[in-house]
Amino acid sequence: MWKQTVASAAHPRLPSRRRKVTPGTARKKVPSISQLKWMSLTRIR
């Protein structure tokens, strides 16, 4: 189950199936992407 969440986080652009929930997913996906970027920055440092 968690593998699916990781895949979705890695690929913010999901198929048309998730387009119906674009507003809700977008708000939840934006912070996740920002967190991933921060994690990469912290790892580099």
C-alpha atoms as a PDB file:
ATOM      1  CA  MET A   1       0.000   0.000   0.000  1.00  0.00           C
ATOM      2  CA  TRP A   2       2.746   2.456   0.942  1.00  0.00           C
ATOM      3  CA  LYS A   3       4.479   1.776  -2.375  1.00  0.00           C
ATOM      4  CA  GLN A   4       1.494   3.322  -4.174  1.00  0.00           C
ATOM      5  CA  THR A   5       1.761   6.485  -2.057  1.00  0.00           C
ATOM      6  CA  VAL A   6       5.480   6.765  -2.843  1.00  0.00           C
ATOM      7  CA  ALA A   7       4.757   6.345  -6.553  1.00  0.00           C
ATOM      8  CA  SER A   8       2.037   9.019  -6.425  1.00  0.00           C
ATOM      9  CA  ALA A   9       4.382  11.394  -4.566  1.00  0.00           C
ATOM     10  CA  ALA A  10       7.139  10.768  -7.104  1.00  0.00           C
ATOM     11  CA  HIS A  11       4.696  11.351  -9.978  1.00  0.00           C
ATOM     12  CA  PRO A  12       2.471  14.346  -9.112  1.00  0.00           C
ATOM     13  CA  ARG A  13       0.774  14.071 -12.522  1.00  0.00           C
ATOM     14  CA  LEU A  14      -1.563  11.108 -12.145  1.00  0.00           C
ATOM     15  CA  PRO A  15      -3.863   9.654 -14.833  1.00  0.00           C
ATOM     16  CA  SER A  16      -7.280  11.105 -15.676  1.00  0.00           C
ATOM     17  CA  ARG A  17      -8.789   8.939 -12.917  1.00  0.00           C
ATOM     18  CA  ARG A  18      -7.467  11.359 -10.297  1.00  0.00           C
ATOM     19  CA  ARG A  19      -8.385  14.468 -12.321  1.00  0.00           C
ATOM     20  CA  LYS A  20     -11.776  14.532 -10.585  1.00  0.00           C
ATOM     21  CA  VAL A  21     -10.008  15.243  -7.290  1.00  0.00           C
ATOM     22  CA  THR A  22      -7.446  17.663  -8.718  1.00  0.00           C
ATOM     23  CA  PRO A  23      -8.247  20.494  -6.221  1.00  0.00           C
ATOM     24  CA  GLY A  24      -8.027  18.210  -3.173  1.00  0.00           C
ATOM     25  CA  THR A  25      -5.028  16.211  -4.406  1.00  0.00           C
ATOM     26  CA  ALA A  26      -3.233  19.340  -5.633  1.00  0.00           C
ATOM     27  CA  ARG A  27      -3.294  20.873  -2.148  1.00  0.00           C
ATOM     28  CA  LYS A  28      -2.110  17.600  -0.648  1.00  0.00           C
ATOM     29  CA  LYS A  29       0.492  16.976  -3.382  1.00  0.00           C
ATOM     30  CA  VAL A  30       2.052  20.466  -3.371  1.00  0.00           C
ATOM     31  CA  PRO A  31       3.301  20.211   0.253  1.00  0.00           C
ATOM     32  CA  SER A  32       4.563  16.681  -0.390  1.00  0.00           C
ATOM     33  CA  ILE A  33       6.612  17.861  -3.387  1.00  0.00           C
ATOM     34  CA  SER A  34       7.977  20.793  -1.363  1.00  0.00           C
ATOM     35  CA  GLN A  35       8.877  18.393   1.445  1.00  0.00           C
ATOM     36  CA  LEU A  36      10.699  16.147  -1.041  1.00  0.00           C
ATOM     37  CA  LYS A  37      12.659  19.169  -2.315  1.00  0.00           C
ATOM     38  CA  TRP A  38      13.538  20.196   1.253  1.00  0.00           C
ATOM     39  CA  MET A  39      14.588  16.611   2.011  1.00  0.00           C
ATOM     40  CA  SER A  40      16.882  16.637  -1.044  1.00  0.00           C
ATOM     41  CA  LEU A  41      18.341  19.991   0.040  1.00  0.00           C
ATOM     42  CA  THR A  42      18.932  18.726   3.575  1.00  0.00           C
ATOM     43  CA  ARG A  43      20.529  15.540   2.210  1.00  0.00           C
ATOM     44  CA  ILE A  44      22.850  17.564  -0.034  1.00  0.00           C
ATOM     45  CA  ARG A  45      23.872  19.695   2.950  1.00  0.00           C
END
